[in-house]
Amino acid sequence: MARNNRLRASLPFKLLFILHFLPVASLRLLFYIVFYAFRFSRPRWPYRRCISVEIIKLSVELVYGIDYKAKLSLNPDKEGDQFIRIKPRLDCVYKDILDSAEIKPAIVGAIWYPTRYSNADTTQKIVLHFHGGGYIICDAREDDCGPSARSLSRQFDDAPVLCLDYRLANTPNGRFPAAIQDAVTAYRYLIEDMNIDSSRLILSGDSAGGNLVLALLRYLSDNPDVLPLPNAALLWSAWVNLSDMSHVARSVNRGIDCLNATFLEWAVDVLTDDGRIVPSSHPYLSFAQSPFYVKVPIWAMVGTAESFYESNAKFVREMRAFGNVVMLYEMLDAPHDVFMASRAYGLEREVEKAMREVWGIIQKGAW
């Protein structure tokens, strides 16, 4: 797919694509606005959710079509003092799979929600969250992460949430294993620089961010001398299988969900440099195919209308078979990444209920 990516990255192709895409997308959206107005056309979903899914589908097609390049900033911008810069510690923290000749640890940005954490309460739980976006799009800033991070904080009794603005695969030095390096950098920062006991830390991630949570857990498990394990891990619509996107096309929810197999294949190619860095089946990428044991309880939420539904169910079975404590939370008729898109889907209450439930489990240790 590399040649195709280079073609799409050229300016003439982008202009031609946009000139073709915009009128076609407008007509498609207009059709669905009218079509879904009739109740028979949407027996399972309300009107708002149907239209939101179609808009997300079109947005994903546009991102892929123009070979979108992300731009991350290390400036505070409108996030102000909520934004922090975290420097990597260039020592044995980054080893084995993270010891890359080309991709080196770098300064990474992160944003505290709802406000900057002061470390005054030494018993309070802290959430380290990794956003979704296929390792290609989205960031930890207010527009993408703000609403969901604040909601998580409220349901977790005002626990501070640190959203990591990890390097994306289509940014300089952002290919594998850059995101995992950044995750280790942030995790080490909380433990060693902020003096937060690891028993107070909760890892959380939606979609590709869930994949990153698992990669960090695997790294900590494979290298127990590096850093201690966290209290728990939360997965929201996690991308657990990067090795074969045909499972998305084969899903019972294909055509219903907003996920696009072509976009996902492109994202994997960019992340792995078309498999030259590591294959997509690598144990640090495809956890449904390569389960592992870790002494951290895992809570996995997936929507029953997701194209990731089957792969998440398989992941849970395989991880349990390895002796892990894994709880599966199924949200009825929820499409992909309801954590980030709960407002668009009209599922805010359902997501808040899930957050409260898992928070109760964490507080009681009732795994």
Protein backbone atom coordinates (compact mmCIF):
# COMPACT_ATOMS: atom_id res chain seq x y z
CA MET A 1 0.00 0.00 0.00
CA ALA A 2 3.05 2.27 0.23
CA ARG A 3 2.85 3.35 -3.41
CA ASN A 4 -0.83 4.12 -3.03
CA ASN A 5 -0.07 6.20 0.08
CA ARG A 6 2.54 8.26 -1.81
CA LEU A 7 0.05 8.90 -4.61
CA ARG A 8 -2.63 10.08 -2.20
CA ALA A 9 -0.12 12.34 -0.45
CA SER A 10 0.54 14.32 -3.64
CA LEU A 11 -1.13 17.73 -3.83
CA PRO A 12 -2.81 17.20 -7.24
CA PHE A 13 -4.41 13.97 -6.03
CA LYS A 14 -5.62 15.60 -2.83
CA LEU A 15 -7.25 18.43 -4.76
CA LEU A 16 -8.92 16.04 -7.19
CA PHE A 17 -10.11 13.84 -4.35
CA ILE A 18 -11.59 16.76 -2.41
CA LEU A 19 -13.34 18.13 -5.51
CA HIS A 20 -14.90 14.71 -6.04
CA PHE A 21 -15.54 13.86 -2.40
CA LEU A 22 -17.31 16.98 -1.17
CA PRO A 23 -20.32 16.92 -3.54
CA VAL A 24 -20.66 13.13 -3.26
CA ALA A 25 -20.44 13.27 0.54
CA SER A 26 -23.01 16.07 0.65
CA LEU A 27 -25.44 14.04 -1.43
CA ARG A 28 -24.88 10.94 0.70
CA LEU A 29 -25.47 12.87 3.90
CA LEU A 30 -28.59 14.53 2.48
CA PHE A 31 -29.91 11.11 1.51
CA TYR A 32 -29.43 9.75 5.03
CA ILE A 33 -30.94 12.85 6.62
CA VAL A 34 -34.13 12.12 4.70
CA PHE A 35 -33.91 8.30 4.81
CA TYR A 36 -33.48 8.05 8.57
CA ALA A 37 -36.37 10.43 9.15
CA PHE A 38 -38.60 7.40 8.59
CA ARG A 39 -38.77 5.13 11.64
CA PHE A 40 -38.74 1.89 9.62
CA SER A 41 -35.22 2.71 8.37
CA ARG A 42 -33.73 2.68 11.88
CA PRO A 43 -35.40 0.00 14.02
CA ARG A 44 -32.53 -0.12 16.55
CA TRP A 45 -31.18 3.43 16.80
CA PRO A 46 -32.56 6.93 17.33
CA TYR A 47 -32.25 9.44 14.49
CA ARG A 48 -29.34 11.33 16.08
CA ARG A 49 -27.16 8.23 16.37
CA CYS A 50 -27.79 7.17 12.78
CA ILE A 51 -26.78 10.56 11.39
CA SER A 52 -23.74 10.78 13.68
CA VAL A 53 -22.46 7.41 12.49
CA GLU A 54 -22.82 8.47 8.84
CA ILE A 55 -20.94 11.72 9.53
CA ILE A 56 -18.12 9.79 11.21
CA LYS A 57 -17.98 7.39 8.25
CA LEU A 58 -17.58 10.30 5.85
CA SER A 59 -14.95 11.95 8.03
CA VAL A 60 -12.90 8.75 8.14
CA GLU A 61 -13.14 8.39 4.35
CA LEU A 62 -11.87 11.97 3.95
CA VAL A 63 -8.95 11.41 6.34
CA TYR A 64 -7.89 8.32 4.41
CA GLY A 65 -8.54 9.86 1.00
CA ILE A 66 -6.23 12.84 1.51
CA ASP A 67 -3.56 10.85 3.40
CA TYR A 68 -4.06 13.09 6.43
CA LYS A 69 -0.95 14.18 8.34
CA ALA A 70 -1.41 15.03 12.00
CA LYS A 71 0.24 18.04 13.62
CA LEU A 72 0.94 17.86 17.34
CA SER A 73 2.05 20.86 19.36
CA LEU A 74 4.17 21.07 22.49
CA ASN A 75 2.73 24.50 23.28
CA PRO A 76 0.02 24.97 25.95
CA ASP A 77 -2.36 26.75 23.55
CA LYS A 78 -5.90 27.13 24.95
CA GLU A 79 -5.38 24.34 27.49
CA GLY A 80 -3.19 26.75 29.49
CA ASP A 81 -1.75 25.41 32.73
CA GLN A 82 -3.57 22.11 32.26
CA PHE A 83 -0.93 21.30 29.65
CA ILE A 84 2.39 19.81 30.70
CA ARG A 85 5.52 18.69 28.86
CA ILE A 86 7.10 15.45 30.00
CA LYS A 87 10.74 14.70 29.29
CA PRO A 88 11.87 11.10 28.80
CA ARG A 89 14.51 9.68 31.08
CA LEU A 90 17.08 8.19 28.75
CA ASP A 91 18.09 5.12 30.68
CA CYS A 92 17.08 1.50 31.01
CA VAL A 93 13.37 2.41 31.21
CA TYR A 94 13.24 2.01 27.41
CA LYS A 95 14.59 -1.41 26.48
CA ASP A 96 13.80 -4.53 24.48
CA ILE A 97 10.98 -3.63 22.05
CA LEU A 98 11.34 0.09 22.94
CA ASP A 99 15.05 0.20 22.18
CA SER A 100 14.74 1.29 18.54
CA ALA A 101 17.62 2.44 16.37
CA GLU A 102 15.37 4.90 14.51
CA ILE A 103 12.55 5.86 16.89
CA LYS A 104 13.84 7.44 20.08
CA PRO A 105 11.96 8.62 23.20
CA ALA A 106 10.99 12.28 22.95
CA ILE A 107 9.35 15.06 24.93
CA VAL A 108 5.62 14.44 24.99
CA GLY A 109 2.67 16.65 25.86
CA ALA A 110 -0.20 15.80 28.18
CA ILE A 111 -3.27 17.57 29.54
CA TRP A 112 -4.78 17.34 33.01
CA TYR A 113 -8.57 17.25 33.34
CA PRO A 114 -10.57 18.90 34.78
CA THR A 115 -7.73 21.06 36.20
CA ARG A 116 -4.01 20.69 36.78
CA TYR A 117 -3.26 18.12 39.47
CA SER A 118 -1.49 19.38 42.60
CA ASN A 119 -0.72 16.04 44.30
CA ALA A 120 -2.24 17.32 47.55
CA ASP A 121 -4.32 14.19 48.20
CA THR A 122 -1.97 11.22 48.58
CA THR A 123 -4.81 8.67 48.55
CA GLN A 124 -6.68 9.82 45.44
CA LYS A 125 -6.72 7.58 42.36
CA ILE A 126 -5.22 9.01 39.15
CA VAL A 127 -6.27 8.03 35.62
CA LEU A 128 -3.74 7.96 32.78
CA HIS A 129 -5.80 7.96 29.59
CA PHE A 130 -4.78 7.27 25.99
CA HIS A 131 -7.10 8.61 23.29
CA GLY A 132 -8.25 6.71 20.20
CA GLY A 133 -7.94 7.51 16.50
CA GLY A 134 -6.15 4.54 14.95
CA TYR A 135 -2.73 5.97 15.89
CA ILE A 136 -3.41 8.44 13.04
CA ILE A 137 -5.93 11.07 14.14
CA CYS A 138 -7.24 12.83 17.27
CA ASP A 139 -5.25 14.15 20.22
CA ALA A 140 -5.46 14.79 23.95
CA ARG A 141 -6.63 18.40 23.59
CA GLU A 142 -9.93 19.86 24.73
CA ASP A 143 -11.84 19.37 21.49
CA ASP A 144 -11.16 15.63 21.32
CA CYS A 145 -10.60 14.49 24.90
CA GLY A 146 -12.04 17.23 27.11
CA PRO A 147 -15.70 16.17 27.43
CA SER A 148 -15.01 12.45 27.93
CA ALA A 149 -12.10 13.05 30.33
CA ARG A 150 -14.15 15.39 32.51
CA SER A 151 -17.05 12.95 32.49
CA LEU A 152 -14.71 10.17 33.61
CA SER A 153 -13.35 12.40 36.36
CA ARG A 154 -16.86 13.24 37.63
CA GLN A 155 -17.97 9.61 37.74
CA PHE A 156 -14.69 8.67 39.48
CA ASP A 157 -15.37 11.06 42.39
CA ASP A 158 -13.33 13.87 40.82
CA ALA A 159 -10.24 11.75 40.19
CA PRO A 160 -7.67 13.66 38.08
CA VAL A 161 -7.32 12.42 34.50
CA LEU A 162 -4.08 12.88 32.57
CA CYS A 163 -4.62 12.52 28.81
CA LEU A 164 -1.42 11.76 26.94
CA ASP A 165 -0.78 13.51 23.62
CA TYR A 166 1.35 10.61 22.37
CA ARG A 167 3.10 10.77 19.01
CA LEU A 168 0.90 9.68 16.12
CA ALA A 169 2.19 7.35 13.43
CA ASN A 170 1.93 9.96 10.67
CA THR A 171 4.04 12.53 12.53
CA PRO A 172 7.86 12.73 12.49
CA ASN A 173 9.38 9.84 14.46
CA GLY A 174 5.89 8.66 15.31
CA ARG A 175 5.90 5.12 13.97
CA PHE A 176 6.08 2.03 16.17
CA PRO A 177 7.16 1.97 19.00
CA ALA A 178 6.89 5.77 19.55
CA ALA A 179 3.46 5.67 21.22
CA ILE A 180 4.57 2.96 23.66
CA GLN A 181 7.71 4.94 24.48
CA ASP A 182 5.51 7.96 25.23
CA ALA A 183 3.20 5.84 27.39
CA VAL A 184 6.19 4.65 29.43
CA THR A 185 7.43 8.26 29.68
CA ALA A 186 4.11 9.45 31.12
CA TYR A 187 3.71 6.47 33.43
CA ARG A 188 7.25 6.91 34.79
CA TYR A 189 6.60 10.64 35.24
CA LEU A 190 3.59 9.98 37.47
CA ILE A 191 5.43 7.42 39.59
CA GLU A 192 8.90 8.94 39.88
CA ASP A 193 8.48 12.68 39.27
CA MET A 194 5.04 13.10 40.88
CA ASN A 195 5.74 10.47 43.58
CA ILE A 196 2.42 8.73 42.97
CA ASP A 197 2.26 5.14 44.17
CA SER A 198 1.43 2.81 41.28
CA SER A 199 -1.44 1.33 43.32
CA ARG A 200 -3.21 4.67 42.80
CA LEU A 201 -2.83 4.63 39.02
CA ILE A 202 -5.52 3.47 36.61
CA LEU A 203 -4.74 3.03 32.93
CA SER A 204 -7.52 3.87 30.48
CA GLY A 205 -7.77 3.94 26.70
CA ASP A 206 -10.39 4.09 23.97
CA SER A 207 -10.02 2.33 20.60
CA ALA A 208 -6.34 2.59 19.60
CA GLY A 209 -5.75 4.01 23.07
CA GLY A 210 -6.96 0.69 24.45
CA ASN A 211 -4.39 -1.02 22.26
CA LEU A 212 -1.76 1.26 23.77
CA VAL A 213 -2.92 0.39 27.30
CA LEU A 214 -2.36 -3.29 26.53
CA ALA A 215 1.04 -2.58 25.00
CA LEU A 216 2.10 -0.73 28.15
CA LEU A 217 0.79 -3.55 30.35
CA ARG A 218 2.67 -6.12 28.30
CA TYR A 219 5.86 -4.08 28.49
CA LEU A 220 5.57 -3.70 32.27
CA SER A 221 4.84 -7.41 32.60
CA ASP A 222 7.75 -8.40 30.33
CA ASN A 223 10.11 -6.03 32.18
CA PRO A 224 9.16 -6.17 35.87
CA ASP A 225 12.36 -4.40 36.91
CA VAL A 226 11.45 -1.22 35.01
CA LEU A 227 8.33 0.12 36.75
CA PRO A 228 5.63 -1.30 39.08
CA LEU A 229 2.21 -2.31 37.81
CA PRO A 230 -0.89 -0.07 38.03
CA ASN A 231 -4.07 -0.66 40.02
CA ALA A 232 -6.30 -1.50 37.05
CA ALA A 233 -6.75 -1.10 33.29
CA LEU A 234 -9.87 0.11 31.49
CA LEU A 235 -10.47 -0.60 27.81
CA TRP A 236 -13.16 1.27 25.88
CA SER A 237 -13.88 -0.26 22.44
CA ALA A 238 -10.26 -1.42 22.31
CA TRP A 239 -8.54 -2.19 19.00
CA VAL A 240 -7.16 -5.58 20.00
CA ASN A 241 -6.42 -7.12 16.59
CA LEU A 242 -4.26 -5.22 14.09
CA SER A 243 -3.17 -8.30 12.15
CA ASP A 244 -6.13 -8.72 9.82
CA MET A 245 -8.75 -6.07 9.18
CA SER A 246 -10.95 -8.53 7.29
CA HIS A 247 -12.60 -9.30 10.63
CA VAL A 248 -14.13 -5.81 10.44
CA ALA A 249 -15.57 -6.56 7.00
CA ARG A 250 -16.85 -9.94 8.26
CA SER A 251 -18.42 -8.57 11.42
CA VAL A 252 -22.16 -8.95 11.90
CA ASN A 253 -22.13 -5.18 12.44
CA ARG A 254 -20.46 -4.32 9.14
CA GLY A 255 -22.26 -1.46 7.45
CA ILE A 256 -23.89 -0.50 10.73
CA ASP A 257 -20.84 0.66 12.63
CA CYS A 258 -18.68 3.64 11.67
CA LEU A 259 -15.45 1.60 11.42
CA ASN A 260 -13.81 1.43 8.01
CA ALA A 261 -11.53 -1.54 7.22
CA THR A 262 -9.64 0.41 4.54
CA PHE A 263 -8.85 3.21 6.99
CA LEU A 264 -7.69 0.70 9.60
CA GLU A 265 -5.45 -1.12 7.10
CA TRP A 266 -3.89 2.21 6.13
CA ALA A 267 -3.35 3.11 9.78
CA VAL A 268 -1.57 -0.19 10.43
CA ASP A 269 0.61 0.30 7.34
CA VAL A 270 1.63 3.77 8.50
CA LEU A 271 2.26 2.61 12.07
CA THR A 272 4.45 -0.33 11.02
CA ASP A 273 5.91 1.22 7.84
CA ASP A 274 4.12 -1.41 5.76
CA GLY A 275 5.38 -4.14 8.08
CA ARG A 276 9.04 -3.20 7.78
CA ILE A 277 9.36 -2.24 11.44
CA VAL A 278 7.25 -5.05 12.87
CA PRO A 279 4.49 -7.20 11.37
CA SER A 280 0.92 -6.29 12.24
CA SER A 281 0.66 -9.63 14.05
CA HIS A 282 3.38 -8.58 16.52
CA PRO A 283 2.54 -9.43 20.16
CA TYR A 284 2.67 -5.72 21.05
CA LEU A 285 -0.03 -4.94 18.46
CA SER A 286 -2.42 -7.89 18.17
CA PHE A 287 -3.44 -9.00 21.63
CA ALA A 288 -6.40 -11.14 20.61
CA GLN A 289 -3.90 -13.37 18.79
CA SER A 290 -1.11 -13.06 21.39
CA PRO A 291 -2.60 -13.04 24.89
CA PHE A 292 -0.34 -12.62 27.90
CA TYR A 293 -0.53 -12.77 31.67
CA VAL A 294 -0.42 -9.64 33.81
CA LYS A 295 -1.24 -9.15 37.49
CA VAL A 296 -3.58 -6.25 36.74
CA PRO A 297 -7.38 -6.57 36.56
CA ILE A 298 -8.78 -5.49 33.20
CA TRP A 299 -12.24 -4.08 32.50
CA ALA A 300 -13.22 -4.13 28.83
CA MET A 301 -16.24 -2.29 27.44
CA VAL A 302 -17.51 -2.95 23.92
CA GLY A 303 -20.70 -1.99 22.12
CA THR A 304 -22.82 -4.77 20.66
CA ALA A 305 -23.14 -2.75 17.43
CA GLU A 306 -19.35 -2.44 16.97
CA SER A 307 -17.34 -4.10 14.25
CA PHE A 308 -14.81 -4.74 17.04
CA TYR A 309 -17.39 -6.69 19.04
CA GLU A 310 -16.24 -10.16 17.99
CA SER A 311 -12.53 -9.42 18.36
CA ASN A 312 -13.07 -7.99 21.84
CA ALA A 313 -15.07 -11.03 22.90
CA LYS A 314 -12.27 -13.27 21.62
CA PHE A 315 -9.66 -11.16 23.40
CA VAL A 316 -11.48 -11.52 26.71
CA ARG A 317 -11.77 -15.31 26.30
CA GLU A 318 -8.09 -15.67 25.40
CA MET A 319 -6.89 -13.46 28.24
CA ARG A 320 -9.06 -15.30 30.76
CA ALA A 321 -7.60 -18.59 29.52
CA PHE A 322 -4.18 -17.22 30.51
CA GLY A 323 -5.40 -16.73 34.06
CA ASN A 324 -6.10 -13.00 33.85
CA VAL A 325 -8.92 -11.22 35.63
CA VAL A 326 -10.88 -9.64 32.79
CA MET A 327 -14.42 -8.27 33.04
CA LEU A 328 -16.46 -7.72 29.87
CA TYR A 329 -19.03 -4.94 29.81
CA GLU A 330 -21.35 -4.98 26.79
CA MET A 331 -23.24 -1.81 25.92
CA LEU A 332 -26.38 -2.65 24.00
CA ASP A 333 -26.58 -1.23 20.46
CA ALA A 334 -23.59 1.07 20.99
CA PRO A 335 -21.39 1.76 17.93
CA HIS A 336 -17.63 2.17 18.05
CA ASP A 337 -15.89 4.31 20.67
CA VAL A 338 -18.87 5.45 22.67
CA PHE A 339 -16.38 6.73 25.25
CA MET A 340 -15.26 9.57 22.98
CA ALA A 341 -18.48 9.97 21.00
CA SER A 342 -21.16 9.54 23.68
CA ARG A 343 -22.65 12.98 22.95
CA ALA A 344 -22.81 12.37 19.22
CA TYR A 345 -24.50 9.01 19.79
CA GLY A 346 -26.85 10.28 22.49
CA LEU A 347 -25.47 7.73 24.95
CA GLU A 348 -24.11 10.01 27.68
CA ARG A 349 -26.17 8.40 30.45
CA GLU A 350 -25.24 4.89 29.39
CA VAL A 351 -21.54 5.75 29.38
CA GLU A 352 -21.77 7.49 32.75
CA LYS A 353 -23.49 4.40 34.15
CA ALA A 354 -20.64 2.21 32.88
CA MET A 355 -18.10 4.60 34.40
CA ARG A 356 -19.83 4.56 37.78
CA GLU A 357 -20.05 0.77 37.72
CA VAL A 358 -16.36 0.21 37.05
CA TRP A 359 -15.43 2.90 39.58
CA GLY A 360 -17.39 1.00 42.22
CA ILE A 361 -15.51 -2.17 41.29
CA ILE A 362 -12.16 -0.39 41.59
CA GLN A 363 -13.02 1.15 44.95
CA LYS A 364 -14.19 -2.14 46.44
CA GLY A 365 -11.59 -4.26 44.68
CA ALA A 366 -14.52 -6.47 43.68
CA TRP A 367 -12.92 -8.08 40.65
